[in-house]
Amino acid sequence: MAKFSISTKGNNDIIDITPQVIEQVKKTEVKEGVCLISCSGSTCGITTIEYEPNLIRDFKEFLEKLAPRDKKYYHDETWGEKNGYSHLLSALFKPFLTVPIENGELTLGSWQQIVFCDFDSRPRRRKVLVKIIKN
């Protein structure tokens, strides 16, 4: 298993991690299998999207509509962190993603990137885990 770290801004920060994941896949020289990308935490998510500025802007607006940051959440009463929305978004988007590997490459579409979403209410240093499973 490989790991790399990223710094995030929090508050629905979206970061393209495709290059780092591709690098880890190439290091293994696995031709056929699956790549599991994961982050420990209950306030983040990993998904795919076309990583272009206007779509990222649309995605952030979508996230805000799903779970507005300025809404009162019962979870906020527990720890006082005011990040109840981030836990809900993580439950929907999940902190892991699996991508097939064919001919030594991730099977992503031409305009598809792997993105890390930090839903938390503050900047964070996150560790991303990449596990390659050979067929």
N, C-alpha and C. Protein backbone atom coordinates (compact mmCIF):
# COMPACT_ATOMS: atom_id res chain seq x y z
N MET A 1 0.86 -1.17 0.00
CA MET A 1 0.00 0.00 0.00
C MET A 1 0.90 1.23 0.00
N ALA A 2 0.51 2.22 -0.79
CA ALA A 2 1.25 3.48 -0.86
C ALA A 2 0.42 4.58 -0.21
N LYS A 3 1.09 5.65 0.21
CA LYS A 3 0.42 6.79 0.82
C LYS A 3 1.02 8.07 0.27
N PHE A 4 0.19 9.09 0.21
CA PHE A 4 0.70 10.43 -0.05
C PHE A 4 -0.16 11.41 0.73
N SER A 5 0.37 12.59 0.99
CA SER A 5 -0.34 13.60 1.77
C SER A 5 -0.73 14.78 0.89
N ILE A 6 -1.83 15.41 1.26
CA ILE A 6 -2.25 16.64 0.60
C ILE A 6 -2.70 17.63 1.66
N SER A 7 -2.52 18.90 1.36
CA SER A 7 -3.02 19.96 2.23
C SER A 7 -4.30 20.49 1.62
N THR A 8 -5.30 20.68 2.46
CA THR A 8 -6.59 21.14 1.97
C THR A 8 -6.97 22.46 2.65
N LYS A 9 -7.92 23.14 2.05
CA LYS A 9 -8.43 24.38 2.61
C LYS A 9 -9.70 24.16 3.43
N GLY A 10 -10.26 22.95 3.35
CA GLY A 10 -11.53 22.67 4.00
C GLY A 10 -12.67 23.35 3.26
N ASN A 11 -13.86 23.30 3.85
CA ASN A 11 -15.04 23.97 3.29
C ASN A 11 -15.30 23.60 1.83
N ASN A 12 -15.38 22.30 1.57
CA ASN A 12 -15.68 21.75 0.24
C ASN A 12 -14.55 21.99 -0.77
N ASP A 13 -13.31 21.92 -0.30
CA ASP A 13 -12.15 22.03 -1.18
C ASP A 13 -12.10 20.77 -2.06
N ILE A 14 -11.90 20.96 -3.35
CA ILE A 14 -11.86 19.86 -4.32
C ILE A 14 -10.46 19.85 -4.94
N ILE A 15 -9.74 18.72 -4.81
CA ILE A 15 -8.35 18.63 -5.27
C ILE A 15 -8.21 17.46 -6.24
N ASP A 16 -7.63 17.72 -7.38
CA ASP A 16 -7.35 16.67 -8.37
C ASP A 16 -6.16 15.85 -7.87
N ILE A 17 -6.38 14.57 -7.59
CA ILE A 17 -5.31 13.69 -7.13
C ILE A 17 -4.95 12.63 -8.17
N THR A 18 -5.48 12.79 -9.38
CA THR A 18 -5.23 11.81 -10.43
C THR A 18 -3.74 11.56 -10.67
N PRO A 19 -2.91 12.61 -10.81
CA PRO A 19 -1.48 12.35 -11.08
C PRO A 19 -0.80 11.51 -10.00
N GLN A 20 -1.12 11.77 -8.74
CA GLN A 20 -0.50 11.00 -7.65
C GLN A 20 -0.94 9.54 -7.69
N VAL A 21 -2.22 9.30 -8.02
CA VAL A 21 -2.72 7.93 -8.08
C VAL A 21 -2.09 7.20 -9.27
N ILE A 22 -2.03 7.85 -10.42
CA ILE A 22 -1.40 7.24 -11.61
C ILE A 22 0.05 6.86 -11.30
N GLU A 23 0.75 7.74 -10.61
CA GLU A 23 2.15 7.47 -10.25
C GLU A 23 2.27 6.19 -9.42
N GLN A 24 1.36 6.00 -8.48
CA GLN A 24 1.39 4.80 -7.64
C GLN A 24 1.07 3.55 -8.45
N VAL A 25 0.13 3.65 -9.38
CA VAL A 25 -0.21 2.50 -10.23
C VAL A 25 1.00 2.11 -11.08
N LYS A 26 1.67 3.08 -11.66
CA LYS A 26 2.84 2.80 -12.51
C LYS A 26 3.97 2.15 -11.72
N LYS A 27 4.16 2.56 -10.48
CA LYS A 27 5.22 1.99 -9.65
C LYS A 27 5.05 0.50 -9.44
N THR A 28 3.80 0.03 -9.41
CA THR A 28 3.54 -1.39 -9.13
C THR A 28 3.73 -2.27 -10.36
N GLU A 29 3.64 -1.68 -11.53
CA GLU A 29 3.73 -2.42 -12.80
C GLU A 29 2.62 -3.46 -12.95
N VAL A 30 1.52 -3.32 -12.21
CA VAL A 30 0.38 -4.23 -12.34
C VAL A 30 -0.33 -3.92 -13.65
N LYS A 31 -0.59 -4.95 -14.45
CA LYS A 31 -1.24 -4.77 -15.75
C LYS A 31 -2.76 -4.90 -15.67
N GLU A 32 -3.24 -5.77 -14.81
CA GLU A 32 -4.69 -6.00 -14.65
C GLU A 32 -5.00 -6.08 -13.17
N GLY A 33 -6.02 -5.35 -12.74
CA GLY A 33 -6.41 -5.39 -11.34
C GLY A 33 -7.32 -4.23 -11.00
N VAL A 34 -7.28 -3.83 -9.74
CA VAL A 34 -8.07 -2.70 -9.28
C VAL A 34 -7.21 -1.81 -8.39
N CYS A 35 -7.56 -0.55 -8.39
CA CYS A 35 -6.90 0.44 -7.56
C CYS A 35 -7.92 0.98 -6.56
N LEU A 36 -7.61 0.84 -5.28
CA LEU A 36 -8.47 1.36 -4.23
C LEU A 36 -7.82 2.62 -3.68
N ILE A 37 -8.54 3.73 -3.75
CA ILE A 37 -8.06 5.00 -3.23
C ILE A 37 -8.92 5.31 -2.02
N SER A 38 -8.28 5.64 -0.88
CA SER A 38 -9.02 5.80 0.36
C SER A 38 -8.39 6.86 1.23
N CYS A 39 -9.22 7.46 2.09
CA CYS A 39 -8.75 8.41 3.09
C CYS A 39 -9.45 8.09 4.40
N SER A 40 -8.68 7.99 5.46
CA SER A 40 -9.29 7.79 6.77
C SER A 40 -9.90 9.11 7.20
N GLY A 41 -11.12 9.07 7.59
CA GLY A 41 -11.78 10.28 8.05
C GLY A 41 -13.25 10.26 7.71
N SER A 42 -14.02 10.97 8.50
CA SER A 42 -15.47 10.99 8.29
C SER A 42 -15.95 12.34 7.79
N THR A 43 -15.01 13.15 7.26
CA THR A 43 -15.40 14.47 6.73
C THR A 43 -14.78 14.72 5.36
N CYS A 44 -14.52 13.63 4.62
CA CYS A 44 -13.94 13.78 3.29
C CYS A 44 -14.60 12.80 2.33
N GLY A 45 -14.31 12.94 1.06
CA GLY A 45 -14.83 12.04 0.05
C GLY A 45 -13.87 11.94 -1.12
N ILE A 46 -13.98 10.86 -1.85
CA ILE A 46 -13.19 10.67 -3.07
C ILE A 46 -14.16 10.24 -4.16
N THR A 47 -14.10 10.93 -5.29
CA THR A 47 -15.01 10.63 -6.40
C THR A 47 -14.32 10.99 -7.71
N THR A 48 -15.06 10.89 -8.80
CA THR A 48 -14.54 11.32 -10.10
C THR A 48 -15.41 12.43 -10.64
N ILE A 49 -14.78 13.30 -11.40
CA ILE A 49 -15.48 14.42 -12.03
C ILE A 49 -14.54 14.98 -13.11
N GLU A 50 -15.10 15.71 -14.03
CA GLU A 50 -14.25 16.45 -14.96
C GLU A 50 -13.72 17.67 -14.19
N TYR A 51 -12.42 17.70 -14.00
CA TYR A 51 -11.83 18.74 -13.16
C TYR A 51 -11.54 19.97 -14.01
N GLU A 52 -12.55 20.81 -14.14
CA GLU A 52 -12.39 22.09 -14.84
C GLU A 52 -13.06 23.15 -14.00
N PRO A 53 -12.56 24.38 -14.01
CA PRO A 53 -12.99 25.41 -13.05
C PRO A 53 -14.50 25.62 -12.93
N ASN A 54 -15.21 25.68 -14.03
CA ASN A 54 -16.65 25.95 -13.93
C ASN A 54 -17.43 24.77 -13.38
N LEU A 55 -17.00 23.54 -13.71
CA LEU A 55 -17.69 22.38 -13.15
C LEU A 55 -17.37 22.25 -11.66
N ILE A 56 -16.14 22.57 -11.27
CA ILE A 56 -15.80 22.55 -9.84
C ILE A 56 -16.66 23.57 -9.10
N ARG A 57 -16.84 24.72 -9.69
CA ARG A 57 -17.71 25.75 -9.10
C ARG A 57 -19.15 25.24 -8.97
N ASP A 58 -19.65 24.59 -10.04
CA ASP A 58 -20.99 24.00 -10.00
C ASP A 58 -21.09 22.94 -8.90
N PHE A 59 -20.06 22.11 -8.79
CA PHE A 59 -20.05 21.03 -7.81
C PHE A 59 -20.09 21.60 -6.39
N LYS A 60 -19.31 22.64 -6.13
CA LYS A 60 -19.31 23.27 -4.80
C LYS A 60 -20.68 23.87 -4.48
N GLU A 61 -21.33 24.48 -5.46
CA GLU A 61 -22.67 25.02 -5.24
C GLU A 61 -23.67 23.89 -4.97
N PHE A 62 -23.51 22.78 -5.67
CA PHE A 62 -24.35 21.61 -5.46
C PHE A 62 -24.19 21.07 -4.04
N LEU A 63 -22.94 20.97 -3.59
CA LEU A 63 -22.67 20.49 -2.24
C LEU A 63 -23.31 21.40 -1.19
N GLU A 64 -23.22 22.70 -1.43
CA GLU A 64 -23.80 23.68 -0.50
C GLU A 64 -25.32 23.54 -0.43
N LYS A 65 -25.94 23.20 -1.55
CA LYS A 65 -27.39 23.00 -1.56
C LYS A 65 -27.77 21.70 -0.84
N LEU A 66 -26.95 20.66 -1.02
CA LEU A 66 -27.23 19.38 -0.35
C LEU A 66 -27.13 19.50 1.16
N ALA A 67 -26.08 20.16 1.62
CA ALA A 67 -25.84 20.28 3.06
C ALA A 67 -25.26 21.67 3.34
N PRO A 68 -26.13 22.67 3.49
CA PRO A 68 -25.66 24.04 3.71
C PRO A 68 -24.82 24.16 4.99
N ARG A 69 -23.72 24.89 4.88
CA ARG A 69 -22.83 25.06 6.03
C ARG A 69 -23.45 25.92 7.13
N ASP A 70 -24.37 26.81 6.76
CA ASP A 70 -24.94 27.73 7.75
C ASP A 70 -26.20 27.18 8.43
N LYS A 71 -26.57 25.95 8.14
CA LYS A 71 -27.73 25.31 8.76
C LYS A 71 -27.34 24.76 10.13
N LYS A 72 -28.29 24.66 11.03
CA LYS A 72 -28.05 24.06 12.34
C LYS A 72 -28.12 22.53 12.20
N TYR A 73 -27.09 21.85 12.69
CA TYR A 73 -27.04 20.38 12.67
C TYR A 73 -26.94 19.88 14.11
N TYR A 74 -27.64 18.83 14.45
CA TYR A 74 -27.61 18.28 15.80
C TYR A 74 -26.19 17.84 16.18
N HIS A 75 -25.44 17.33 15.21
CA HIS A 75 -24.06 16.90 15.48
C HIS A 75 -23.22 18.04 16.06
N ASP A 76 -23.47 19.25 15.64
CA ASP A 76 -22.70 20.40 16.11
C ASP A 76 -22.82 20.58 17.62
N GLU A 77 -23.93 20.13 18.20
CA GLU A 77 -24.12 20.23 19.64
C GLU A 77 -23.22 19.26 20.41
N THR A 78 -22.83 18.16 19.74
CA THR A 78 -22.03 17.13 20.39
C THR A 78 -20.60 17.61 20.65
N TRP A 79 -19.93 18.13 19.62
CA TRP A 79 -18.52 18.50 19.75
C TRP A 79 -18.27 19.99 19.58
N GLY A 80 -19.25 20.74 19.12
CA GLY A 80 -19.07 22.17 18.94
C GLY A 80 -18.19 22.55 17.77
N GLU A 81 -17.95 21.60 16.85
CA GLU A 81 -17.07 21.87 15.71
C GLU A 81 -17.77 22.52 14.53
N LYS A 82 -19.08 22.55 14.56
CA LYS A 82 -19.87 23.12 13.47
C LYS A 82 -19.50 22.51 12.11
N ASN A 83 -19.41 21.18 12.08
CA ASN A 83 -19.11 20.49 10.83
C ASN A 83 -20.07 19.33 10.57
N GLY A 84 -21.27 19.43 11.10
CA GLY A 84 -22.26 18.38 10.86
C GLY A 84 -22.49 18.14 9.38
N TYR A 85 -22.50 19.22 8.61
CA TYR A 85 -22.68 19.10 7.15
C TYR A 85 -21.59 18.26 6.52
N SER A 86 -20.37 18.37 7.02
CA SER A 86 -19.25 17.64 6.40
C SER A 86 -19.39 16.14 6.59
N HIS A 87 -19.93 15.72 7.72
CA HIS A 87 -20.14 14.29 7.96
C HIS A 87 -21.24 13.75 7.05
N LEU A 88 -22.27 14.53 6.83
CA LEU A 88 -23.35 14.10 5.93
C LEU A 88 -22.84 13.96 4.49
N LEU A 89 -22.04 14.92 4.03
CA LEU A 89 -21.51 14.85 2.67
C LEU A 89 -20.57 13.65 2.51
N SER A 90 -19.76 13.38 3.54
CA SER A 90 -18.86 12.23 3.48
C SER A 90 -19.65 10.92 3.41
N ALA A 91 -20.78 10.86 4.12
CA ALA A 91 -21.61 9.66 4.07
C ALA A 91 -22.18 9.44 2.67
N LEU A 92 -22.46 10.53 1.96
CA LEU A 92 -23.00 10.41 0.60
C LEU A 92 -21.92 10.11 -0.44
N PHE A 93 -20.78 10.78 -0.33
CA PHE A 93 -19.75 10.66 -1.36
C PHE A 93 -18.69 9.61 -1.05
N LYS A 94 -18.61 9.15 0.17
CA LYS A 94 -17.72 8.08 0.63
C LYS A 94 -16.24 8.47 0.53
N PRO A 95 -15.46 8.06 1.54
CA PRO A 95 -14.03 8.37 1.54
C PRO A 95 -13.18 7.32 0.82
N PHE A 96 -13.74 6.69 -0.18
CA PHE A 96 -12.98 5.70 -0.96
C PHE A 96 -13.55 5.59 -2.36
N LEU A 97 -12.72 5.07 -3.26
CA LEU A 97 -13.11 4.87 -4.66
C LEU A 97 -12.31 3.71 -5.20
N THR A 98 -12.92 2.89 -6.02
CA THR A 98 -12.23 1.79 -6.68
C THR A 98 -12.28 2.01 -8.18
N VAL A 99 -11.11 1.91 -8.83
CA VAL A 99 -11.00 2.10 -10.28
C VAL A 99 -10.29 0.87 -10.87
N PRO A 100 -10.86 0.24 -11.90
CA PRO A 100 -10.18 -0.89 -12.54
C PRO A 100 -8.87 -0.45 -13.22
N ILE A 101 -7.94 -1.39 -13.30
CA ILE A 101 -6.68 -1.20 -14.03
C ILE A 101 -6.69 -2.16 -15.20
N GLU A 102 -6.48 -1.64 -16.39
CA GLU A 102 -6.37 -2.47 -17.60
C GLU A 102 -5.13 -2.04 -18.35
N ASN A 103 -4.34 -3.00 -18.79
CA ASN A 103 -3.10 -2.72 -19.53
C ASN A 103 -2.21 -1.74 -18.78
N GLY A 104 -2.19 -1.84 -17.45
CA GLY A 104 -1.31 -1.01 -16.63
C GLY A 104 -1.80 0.41 -16.40
N GLU A 105 -3.03 0.71 -16.81
CA GLU A 105 -3.55 2.07 -16.66
C GLU A 105 -4.93 2.07 -16.01
N LEU A 106 -5.21 3.16 -15.28
CA LEU A 106 -6.54 3.33 -14.71
C LEU A 106 -7.55 3.48 -15.84
N THR A 107 -8.71 2.89 -15.69
CA THR A 107 -9.74 2.98 -16.72
C THR A 107 -10.63 4.20 -16.46
N LEU A 108 -10.05 5.36 -16.71
CA LEU A 108 -10.78 6.62 -16.58
C LEU A 108 -11.12 7.14 -17.96
N GLY A 109 -12.23 7.86 -18.07
CA GLY A 109 -12.61 8.48 -19.33
C GLY A 109 -11.67 9.64 -19.65
N SER A 110 -11.75 10.12 -20.88
CA SER A 110 -10.87 11.21 -21.34
C SER A 110 -10.94 12.44 -20.46
N TRP A 111 -12.11 12.74 -19.94
CA TRP A 111 -12.30 13.97 -19.16
C TRP A 111 -12.61 13.66 -17.70
N GLN A 112 -12.19 12.50 -17.24
CA GLN A 112 -12.52 12.05 -15.88
C GLN A 112 -11.26 12.05 -15.01
N GLN A 113 -11.35 12.76 -13.90
CA GLN A 113 -10.26 12.79 -12.95
C GLN A 113 -10.74 12.29 -11.59
N ILE A 114 -9.79 11.84 -10.78
CA ILE A 114 -10.07 11.42 -9.41
C ILE A 114 -9.87 12.65 -8.53
N VAL A 115 -10.88 12.97 -7.73
CA VAL A 115 -10.78 14.15 -6.88
C VAL A 115 -10.99 13.80 -5.42
N PHE A 116 -10.24 14.51 -4.59
CA PHE A 116 -10.38 14.45 -3.15
C PHE A 116 -11.23 15.63 -2.73
N CYS A 117 -12.26 15.38 -1.94
CA CYS A 117 -13.16 16.44 -1.47
C CYS A 117 -13.00 16.56 0.04
N ASP A 118 -12.58 17.73 0.49
CA ASP A 118 -12.49 17.96 1.93
C ASP A 118 -13.70 18.78 2.34
N PHE A 119 -14.63 18.12 3.00
CA PHE A 119 -15.87 18.75 3.41
C PHE A 119 -15.75 19.44 4.77
N ASP A 120 -14.67 19.21 5.49
CA ASP A 120 -14.57 19.71 6.86
C ASP A 120 -14.55 21.24 6.91
N SER A 121 -14.75 21.78 8.10
CA SER A 121 -14.90 23.22 8.29
C SER A 121 -13.57 23.95 8.46
N ARG A 122 -12.46 23.23 8.29
CA ARG A 122 -11.14 23.87 8.48
C ARG A 122 -10.10 23.21 7.58
N PRO A 123 -9.00 23.89 7.35
CA PRO A 123 -7.91 23.28 6.57
C PRO A 123 -7.38 22.04 7.29
N ARG A 124 -6.91 21.09 6.48
CA ARG A 124 -6.40 19.84 7.05
C ARG A 124 -5.21 19.35 6.24
N ARG A 125 -4.42 18.51 6.86
CA ARG A 125 -3.40 17.73 6.17
C ARG A 125 -3.96 16.33 6.12
N ARG A 126 -4.19 15.81 4.91
CA ARG A 126 -4.84 14.50 4.75
C ARG A 126 -3.88 13.49 4.14
N LYS A 127 -4.00 12.25 4.60
CA LYS A 127 -3.25 11.14 4.00
C LYS A 127 -4.18 10.36 3.10
N VAL A 128 -3.74 10.13 1.88
CA VAL A 128 -4.50 9.33 0.91
C VAL A 128 -3.77 8.01 0.75
N LEU A 129 -4.53 6.92 0.85
CA LEU A 129 -3.98 5.58 0.70
C LEU A 129 -4.32 5.04 -0.68
N VAL A 130 -3.36 4.38 -1.30
CA VAL A 130 -3.59 3.77 -2.61
C VAL A 130 -3.17 2.31 -2.51
N LYS A 131 -4.13 1.42 -2.71
CA LYS A 131 -3.85 -0.02 -2.66
C LYS A 131 -4.16 -0.62 -4.02
N ILE A 132 -3.19 -1.30 -4.59
CA ILE A 132 -3.34 -1.95 -5.89
C ILE A 132 -3.53 -3.44 -5.66
N ILE A 133 -4.59 -3.98 -6.23
CA ILE A 133 -4.87 -5.41 -6.11
C ILE A 133 -4.76 -6.02 -7.50
N LYS A 134 -3.83 -6.94 -7.63
CA LYS A 134 -3.55 -7.57 -8.93
C LYS A 134 -4.54 -8.71 -9.18
N ASN A 135 -5.03 -8.79 -10.42
CA ASN A 135 -5.91 -9.91 -10.81
C ASN A 135 -5.07 -11.16 -11.01
